[in-house]
């Protein structure tokens, strides 16, 4: 199994500070009101450290980095 991570947001906690978008602009942008828009899908491995910083830097703890496991398909089965 291959482990992948994704950024998750608790929209009821988010106050729109925008720090996450400053720390991770490749995956998070802000809408017109300052709330984050997160690129869907797994976080690229080269951005995992930046993602962890963005999650840790959220002043209201609205972000999380969640692990998801995906099975790699096998071409042969026994």
C-alpha atoms as a PDB file:
ATOM      1  CA  UNK A   1       0.000   0.000   0.000  1.00  0.00           C
ATOM      2  CA  UNK A   2       1.155   3.496  -0.795  1.00  0.00           C
ATOM      3  CA  UNK A   3       0.569   6.187   1.829  1.00  0.00           C
ATOM      4  CA  UNK A   4      -0.683   9.566   0.701  1.00  0.00           C
ATOM      5  CA  UNK A   5      -1.647  12.666   2.623  1.00  0.00           C
ATOM      6  CA  UNK A   6      -4.286  15.294   2.011  1.00  0.00           C
ATOM      7  CA  UNK A   7      -5.043  18.628   3.620  1.00  0.00           C
ATOM      8  CA  UNK A   8      -8.382  18.808   5.366  1.00  0.00           C
ATOM      9  CA  UNK A   9     -10.096  21.919   6.732  1.00  0.00           C
ATOM     10  CA  UNK A  10     -12.691  22.281   9.459  1.00  0.00           C
ATOM     11  CA  UNK A  11     -14.693  25.154   8.005  1.00  0.00           C
ATOM     12  CA  UNK A  12     -16.536  25.730  11.278  1.00  0.00           C
ATOM     13  CA  UNK A  13     -13.236  26.626  12.961  1.00  0.00           C
ATOM     14  CA  UNK A  14     -11.628  28.649  10.174  1.00  0.00           C
ATOM     15  CA  UNK A  15     -11.676  32.414  10.743  1.00  0.00           C
ATOM     16  CA  UNK A  16     -10.004  33.323   7.453  1.00  0.00           C
ATOM     17  CA  UNK A  17      -6.661  34.494   8.843  1.00  0.00           C
ATOM     18  CA  UNK A  18      -4.969  33.430   5.581  1.00  0.00           C
ATOM     19  CA  UNK A  19      -1.716  32.237   7.124  1.00  0.00           C
ATOM     20  CA  UNK A  20      -2.110  28.820   5.498  1.00  0.00           C
ATOM     21  CA  UNK A  21      -2.100  30.354   2.024  1.00  0.00           C
ATOM     22  CA  UNK A  22       1.041  32.325   2.855  1.00  0.00           C
ATOM     23  CA  UNK A  23       2.810  29.171   4.036  1.00  0.00           C
ATOM     24  CA  UNK A  24       1.568  26.886   1.251  1.00  0.00           C
ATOM     25  CA  UNK A  25       0.638  28.976  -1.803  1.00  0.00           C
ATOM     26  CA  UNK A  26       1.041  26.062  -4.227  1.00  0.00           C
ATOM     27  CA  UNK A  27      -1.877  24.194  -2.648  1.00  0.00           C
ATOM     28  CA  UNK A  28      -3.941  26.836  -0.850  1.00  0.00           C
ATOM     29  CA  UNK A  29      -5.420  30.046  -2.235  1.00  0.00           C
ATOM     30  CA  UNK A  30      -7.902  32.414  -0.627  1.00  0.00           C
ATOM     31  CA  UNK A  31     -11.404  33.295  -1.762  1.00  0.00           C
ATOM     32  CA  UNK A  32     -12.735  36.868  -1.850  1.00  0.00           C
ATOM     33  CA  UNK A  33     -13.454  36.764   1.900  1.00  0.00           C
ATOM     34  CA  UNK A  34     -10.049  35.356   2.901  1.00  0.00           C
ATOM     35  CA  UNK A  35     -11.092  31.745   3.411  1.00  0.00           C
ATOM     36  CA  UNK A  36      -8.889  28.954   2.048  1.00  0.00           C
ATOM     37  CA  UNK A  37      -9.505  27.038  -1.128  1.00  0.00           C
ATOM     38  CA  UNK A  38      -7.495  23.836  -1.017  1.00  0.00           C
ATOM     39  CA  UNK A  39      -6.392  21.959  -4.119  1.00  0.00           C
ATOM     40  CA  UNK A  40      -8.065  18.554  -4.002  1.00  0.00           C
ATOM     41  CA  UNK A  41      -6.102  15.355  -4.072  1.00  0.00           C
ATOM     42  CA  UNK A  42      -2.981  14.089  -2.381  1.00  0.00           C
ATOM     43  CA  UNK A  43      -0.223  16.429  -1.256  1.00  0.00           C
ATOM     44  CA  UNK A  44       2.864  15.961  -3.443  1.00  0.00           C
ATOM     45  CA  UNK A  45       5.704  14.438  -1.415  1.00  0.00           C
ATOM     46  CA  UNK A  46       7.974  17.438  -2.016  1.00  0.00           C
ATOM     47  CA  UNK A  47       5.382  19.698  -0.327  1.00  0.00           C
ATOM     48  CA  UNK A  48       4.748  17.573   2.784  1.00  0.00           C
ATOM     49  CA  UNK A  49       7.049  19.612   5.042  1.00  0.00           C
ATOM     50  CA  UNK A  50       5.429  22.855   3.874  1.00  0.00           C
ATOM     51  CA  UNK A  51       2.001  21.300   4.459  1.00  0.00           C
ATOM     52  CA  UNK A  52       2.946  20.347   8.000  1.00  0.00           C
ATOM     53  CA  UNK A  53       4.082  23.932   8.658  1.00  0.00           C
ATOM     54  CA  UNK A  54       0.805  25.317   7.324  1.00  0.00           C
ATOM     55  CA  UNK A  55      -1.195  22.936   9.532  1.00  0.00           C
ATOM     56  CA  UNK A  56       0.911  23.755  12.599  1.00  0.00           C
ATOM     57  CA  UNK A  57       0.704  27.484  11.881  1.00  0.00           C
ATOM     58  CA  UNK A  58      -3.076  27.715  11.771  1.00  0.00           C
ATOM     59  CA  UNK A  59      -4.019  29.964  14.716  1.00  0.00           C
ATOM     60  CA  UNK A  60      -7.413  28.268  15.201  1.00  0.00           C
ATOM     61  CA  UNK A  61      -6.312  24.686  14.418  1.00  0.00           C
ATOM     62  CA  UNK A  62      -8.691  24.425  11.474  1.00  0.00           C
ATOM     63  CA  UNK A  63      -6.294  22.465   9.242  1.00  0.00           C
ATOM     64  CA  UNK A  64      -5.232  18.845   9.433  1.00  0.00           C
ATOM     65  CA  UNK A  65      -2.973  16.659   7.361  1.00  0.00           C
ATOM     66  CA  UNK A  66      -4.766  13.360   6.983  1.00  0.00           C
ATOM     67  CA  UNK A  67      -3.190  10.155   5.840  1.00  0.00           C
ATOM     68  CA  UNK A  68      -5.037   8.075   3.329  1.00  0.00           C
ATOM     69  CA  UNK A  69      -3.970   4.698   2.062  1.00  0.00           C
ATOM     70  CA  UNK A  70      -4.458   3.663  -1.507  1.00  0.00           C
ATOM     71  CA  UNK A  71      -3.896   0.204  -2.830  1.00  0.00           C
ATOM     72  CA  UNK A  72      -1.628  -0.115  -5.798  1.00  0.00           C
ATOM     73  CA  UNK A  73      -3.053  -2.392  -8.421  1.00  0.00           C
ATOM     74  CA  UNK A  74      -1.123  -5.533  -9.237  1.00  0.00           C
ATOM     75  CA  UNK A  75      -0.896  -6.855 -12.756  1.00  0.00           C
ATOM     76  CA  UNK A  76      -0.713 -10.458 -11.571  1.00  0.00           C
ATOM     77  CA  UNK A  77      -2.804 -12.188  -8.983  1.00  0.00           C
ATOM     78  CA  UNK A  78      -2.167 -15.560  -7.477  1.00  0.00           C
END
